[in-house]
């Protein structure tokens, strides 16, 4: 009984997170107006695959984000400081 409950909980979390990530990724996908129809059909397939395999995709995407942040830390800090100064002046 406990195994069935845990399995159901895992499936529900997997589906809810998949739905949430699909919506977020779809938003970014639809914002790109420069994409050709051939590219759009290719990326639709990628979007579906990413949604199904999100437990694998998300950690790798997060690692890429960390690498990007580490590489551009000085620029990011400058932008954050500029934003903080603008907020303080308002």
N, C-alpha and C. Protein backbone atom coordinates (compact mmCIF):
# COMPACT_ATOMS: atom_id res chain seq x y z
N UNK A 1 0.81 -1.20 0.00
CA UNK A 1 0.00 0.00 0.00
C UNK A 1 0.85 1.26 0.00
N UNK A 2 1.89 1.25 0.83
CA UNK A 2 2.78 2.41 0.91
C UNK A 2 3.53 2.62 -0.39
N UNK A 3 3.93 1.53 -1.03
CA UNK A 3 4.63 1.63 -2.31
C UNK A 3 3.74 2.26 -3.38
N UNK A 4 2.48 1.88 -3.40
CA UNK A 4 1.56 2.44 -4.39
C UNK A 4 1.34 3.92 -4.13
N UNK A 5 1.27 4.32 -2.87
CA UNK A 5 1.10 5.72 -2.52
C UNK A 5 2.33 6.54 -2.92
N UNK A 6 3.51 6.02 -2.62
CA UNK A 6 4.75 6.71 -3.00
C UNK A 6 4.89 6.80 -4.52
N UNK A 7 4.58 5.72 -5.20
CA UNK A 7 4.64 5.71 -6.65
C UNK A 7 3.68 6.75 -7.23
N UNK A 8 2.48 6.82 -6.69
CA UNK A 8 1.49 7.80 -7.15
C UNK A 8 1.98 9.22 -6.90
N UNK A 9 2.60 9.44 -5.75
CA UNK A 9 3.13 10.76 -5.43
C UNK A 9 4.25 11.16 -6.40
N UNK A 10 5.12 10.23 -6.71
CA UNK A 10 6.21 10.50 -7.67
C UNK A 10 5.64 10.83 -9.04
N UNK A 11 4.65 10.09 -9.48
CA UNK A 11 4.03 10.33 -10.78
C UNK A 11 3.35 11.70 -10.80
N UNK A 12 2.67 12.05 -9.72
CA UNK A 12 2.00 13.35 -9.67
C UNK A 12 3.02 14.49 -9.71
N UNK A 13 4.10 14.37 -8.95
CA UNK A 13 5.15 15.41 -8.96
C UNK A 13 5.77 15.50 -10.34
N UNK A 14 6.06 14.36 -10.96
CA UNK A 14 6.63 14.34 -12.29
C UNK A 14 5.72 15.06 -13.30
N UNK A 15 4.43 14.77 -13.25
CA UNK A 15 3.49 15.38 -14.19
C UNK A 15 3.29 16.87 -13.93
N UNK A 16 3.20 17.25 -12.67
CA UNK A 16 3.02 18.67 -12.34
C UNK A 16 4.25 19.47 -12.76
N UNK A 17 5.43 18.97 -12.45
CA UNK A 17 6.66 19.68 -12.85
C UNK A 17 6.78 19.71 -14.37
N UNK A 18 6.44 18.62 -15.04
CA UNK A 18 6.48 18.59 -16.50
C UNK A 18 5.56 19.63 -17.09
N UNK A 19 4.35 19.75 -16.54
CA UNK A 19 3.39 20.75 -17.02
C UNK A 19 3.92 22.16 -16.80
N UNK A 20 4.46 22.42 -15.61
CA UNK A 20 5.00 23.75 -15.30
C UNK A 20 6.17 24.11 -16.23
N UNK A 21 7.10 23.18 -16.39
CA UNK A 21 8.27 23.44 -17.25
C UNK A 21 7.85 23.60 -18.70
N UNK A 22 6.90 22.79 -19.16
CA UNK A 22 6.42 22.92 -20.52
C UNK A 22 5.85 24.32 -20.76
N UNK A 23 5.05 24.81 -19.82
CA UNK A 23 4.48 26.15 -19.97
C UNK A 23 5.56 27.23 -20.00
N UNK A 24 6.56 27.12 -19.15
CA UNK A 24 7.65 28.10 -19.13
C UNK A 24 8.45 28.05 -20.43
N UNK A 25 8.81 26.86 -20.86
CA UNK A 25 9.60 26.72 -22.07
C UNK A 25 8.78 27.14 -23.30
N UNK A 26 7.50 26.85 -23.29
CA UNK A 26 6.64 27.26 -24.40
C UNK A 26 6.56 28.78 -24.50
N UNK A 27 6.52 29.46 -23.37
CA UNK A 27 6.50 30.92 -23.36
C UNK A 27 7.74 31.48 -24.07
N UNK A 28 8.93 30.97 -23.73
CA UNK A 28 10.15 31.43 -24.37
C UNK A 28 10.18 31.05 -25.85
N UNK A 29 9.67 29.89 -26.15
CA UNK A 29 9.62 29.41 -27.53
C UNK A 29 8.75 30.33 -28.39
N UNK A 30 7.59 30.73 -27.89
CA UNK A 30 6.68 31.57 -28.65
C UNK A 30 7.17 33.01 -28.78
N UNK A 31 8.06 33.44 -27.90
CA UNK A 31 8.57 34.81 -27.94
C UNK A 31 9.54 35.02 -29.11
N UNK A 32 10.13 33.95 -29.61
CA UNK A 32 11.11 34.06 -30.70
C UNK A 32 10.38 34.20 -32.03
N UNK A 33 10.30 35.41 -32.52
CA UNK A 33 9.57 35.68 -33.76
C UNK A 33 10.44 35.54 -35.00
N UNK A 34 11.74 35.39 -34.82
CA UNK A 34 12.66 35.29 -35.96
C UNK A 34 12.86 33.85 -36.43
N UNK A 35 12.21 32.91 -35.79
CA UNK A 35 12.39 31.50 -36.11
C UNK A 35 11.60 31.14 -37.37
N UNK A 36 12.25 30.40 -38.26
CA UNK A 36 11.57 29.95 -39.47
C UNK A 36 10.62 28.80 -39.14
N UNK A 37 9.73 28.47 -40.08
CA UNK A 37 8.77 27.39 -39.83
C UNK A 37 9.47 26.03 -39.70
N UNK A 38 10.56 25.85 -40.44
CA UNK A 38 11.32 24.60 -40.34
C UNK A 38 11.97 24.49 -38.95
N UNK A 39 12.55 25.59 -38.49
CA UNK A 39 13.13 25.59 -37.15
C UNK A 39 12.06 25.41 -36.09
N UNK A 40 10.91 26.03 -36.30
CA UNK A 40 9.82 25.95 -35.32
C UNK A 40 9.36 24.50 -35.15
N UNK A 41 9.22 23.76 -36.25
CA UNK A 41 8.78 22.37 -36.13
C UNK A 41 9.85 21.51 -35.43
N UNK A 42 11.13 21.81 -35.70
CA UNK A 42 12.21 21.08 -35.02
C UNK A 42 12.17 21.37 -33.52
N UNK A 43 12.03 22.63 -33.16
CA UNK A 43 12.03 22.99 -31.74
C UNK A 43 10.77 22.54 -31.02
N UNK A 44 9.69 22.33 -31.73
CA UNK A 44 8.51 21.76 -31.10
C UNK A 44 8.80 20.33 -30.64
N UNK A 45 9.51 19.59 -31.48
CA UNK A 45 9.91 18.23 -31.10
C UNK A 45 10.85 18.27 -29.89
N UNK A 46 11.80 19.20 -29.92
CA UNK A 46 12.73 19.34 -28.80
C UNK A 46 11.97 19.70 -27.53
N UNK A 47 10.99 20.58 -27.64
CA UNK A 47 10.19 20.98 -26.48
C UNK A 47 9.46 19.78 -25.87
N UNK A 48 8.92 18.93 -26.70
CA UNK A 48 8.23 17.74 -26.21
C UNK A 48 9.21 16.78 -25.53
N UNK A 49 10.36 16.58 -26.16
CA UNK A 49 11.38 15.69 -25.59
C UNK A 49 11.89 16.25 -24.26
N UNK A 50 12.14 17.57 -24.21
CA UNK A 50 12.61 18.19 -22.97
C UNK A 50 11.59 18.03 -21.86
N UNK A 51 10.32 18.16 -22.19
CA UNK A 51 9.28 18.03 -21.17
C UNK A 51 9.22 16.61 -20.63
N UNK A 52 9.36 15.63 -21.50
CA UNK A 52 9.32 14.23 -21.05
C UNK A 52 10.57 13.90 -20.21
N UNK A 53 11.71 14.42 -20.63
CA UNK A 53 12.97 14.10 -19.96
C UNK A 53 13.44 15.18 -19.00
N UNK A 54 12.50 15.96 -18.43
CA UNK A 54 12.90 17.08 -17.60
C UNK A 54 13.77 16.69 -16.40
N UNK A 55 13.63 15.50 -15.81
CA UNK A 55 14.53 15.18 -14.69
C UNK A 55 16.00 15.11 -15.10
N UNK A 56 16.26 14.91 -16.38
CA UNK A 56 17.63 14.89 -16.89
C UNK A 56 18.03 16.27 -17.40
N UNK A 57 17.11 16.95 -18.09
CA UNK A 57 17.40 18.23 -18.72
C UNK A 57 17.66 19.34 -17.70
N UNK A 58 16.83 19.40 -16.67
CA UNK A 58 16.91 20.51 -15.72
C UNK A 58 18.26 20.57 -14.99
N UNK A 59 18.79 19.47 -14.46
CA UNK A 59 20.11 19.58 -13.81
C UNK A 59 21.22 20.04 -14.76
N UNK A 60 21.20 19.56 -16.00
CA UNK A 60 22.23 20.00 -16.95
C UNK A 60 22.06 21.47 -17.31
N UNK A 61 20.83 21.92 -17.44
CA UNK A 61 20.58 23.34 -17.72
C UNK A 61 21.05 24.19 -16.55
N UNK A 62 20.84 23.71 -15.33
CA UNK A 62 21.28 24.45 -14.15
C UNK A 62 22.81 24.53 -14.11
N UNK A 63 23.48 23.45 -14.47
CA UNK A 63 24.95 23.48 -14.52
C UNK A 63 25.44 24.49 -15.55
N UNK A 64 24.78 24.56 -16.70
CA UNK A 64 25.14 25.54 -17.71
C UNK A 64 24.93 26.96 -17.19
N UNK A 65 23.85 27.16 -16.46
CA UNK A 65 23.58 28.47 -15.88
C UNK A 65 24.66 28.85 -14.87
N UNK A 66 25.09 27.92 -14.06
CA UNK A 66 26.16 28.19 -13.10
C UNK A 66 27.47 28.53 -13.81
N UNK A 67 27.78 27.81 -14.89
CA UNK A 67 28.99 28.12 -15.67
C UNK A 67 28.92 29.52 -16.25
N UNK A 68 27.76 29.88 -16.79
CA UNK A 68 27.57 31.21 -17.37
C UNK A 68 27.74 32.27 -16.30
N UNK A 69 27.15 32.04 -15.14
CA UNK A 69 27.24 33.03 -14.06
C UNK A 69 28.68 33.19 -13.59
N UNK A 70 29.39 32.07 -13.47
CA UNK A 70 30.78 32.13 -13.03
C UNK A 70 31.64 32.88 -14.05
N UNK A 71 31.39 32.64 -15.33
CA UNK A 71 32.16 33.27 -16.39
C UNK A 71 31.90 34.78 -16.47
N UNK A 72 30.67 35.21 -16.22
CA UNK A 72 30.28 36.61 -16.38
C UNK A 72 29.95 37.27 -15.05
N UNK A 73 30.56 36.80 -13.95
CA UNK A 73 30.24 37.30 -12.62
C UNK A 73 30.48 38.79 -12.48
N UNK A 74 31.58 39.29 -13.01
CA UNK A 74 31.88 40.73 -12.89
C UNK A 74 30.80 41.57 -13.57
N UNK A 75 30.41 41.20 -14.77
CA UNK A 75 29.38 41.95 -15.49
C UNK A 75 28.03 41.89 -14.76
N UNK A 76 27.70 40.73 -14.25
CA UNK A 76 26.44 40.58 -13.53
C UNK A 76 26.44 41.43 -12.27
N UNK A 77 27.56 41.44 -11.54
CA UNK A 77 27.65 42.26 -10.33
C UNK A 77 27.52 43.74 -10.64
N UNK A 78 28.12 44.18 -11.74
CA UNK A 78 28.01 45.59 -12.14
C UNK A 78 26.55 45.93 -12.44
N UNK A 79 25.87 45.08 -13.17
CA UNK A 79 24.46 45.33 -13.49
C UNK A 79 23.59 45.34 -12.23
N UNK A 80 23.87 44.44 -11.31
CA UNK A 80 23.10 44.40 -10.06
C UNK A 80 23.34 45.68 -9.26
N UNK A 81 24.60 46.12 -9.19
CA UNK A 81 24.90 47.34 -8.45
C UNK A 81 24.24 48.55 -9.09
N UNK A 82 24.24 48.61 -10.41
CA UNK A 82 23.58 49.72 -11.10
C UNK A 82 22.08 49.72 -10.81
N UNK A 83 21.47 48.55 -10.80
CA UNK A 83 20.05 48.45 -10.50
C UNK A 83 19.76 48.88 -9.07
N UNK A 84 20.62 48.44 -8.14
CA UNK A 84 20.43 48.82 -6.73
C UNK A 84 20.54 50.33 -6.55
N UNK A 85 21.51 50.95 -7.25
CA UNK A 85 21.68 52.40 -7.15
C UNK A 85 20.47 53.13 -7.73
N UNK A 86 19.94 52.63 -8.85
CA UNK A 86 18.76 53.26 -9.44
C UNK A 86 17.56 53.15 -8.52
N UNK A 87 17.42 52.00 -7.86
CA UNK A 87 16.29 51.81 -6.94
C UNK A 87 16.43 52.72 -5.73
N UNK A 88 17.67 52.94 -5.26
CA UNK A 88 17.90 53.80 -4.10
C UNK A 88 17.62 55.26 -4.43
N UNK A 89 17.86 55.66 -5.68
CA UNK A 89 17.65 57.04 -6.09
C UNK A 89 16.17 57.38 -6.28
N UNK A 90 15.35 56.36 -6.50
CA UNK A 90 13.91 56.61 -6.72
C UNK A 90 13.15 56.87 -5.47
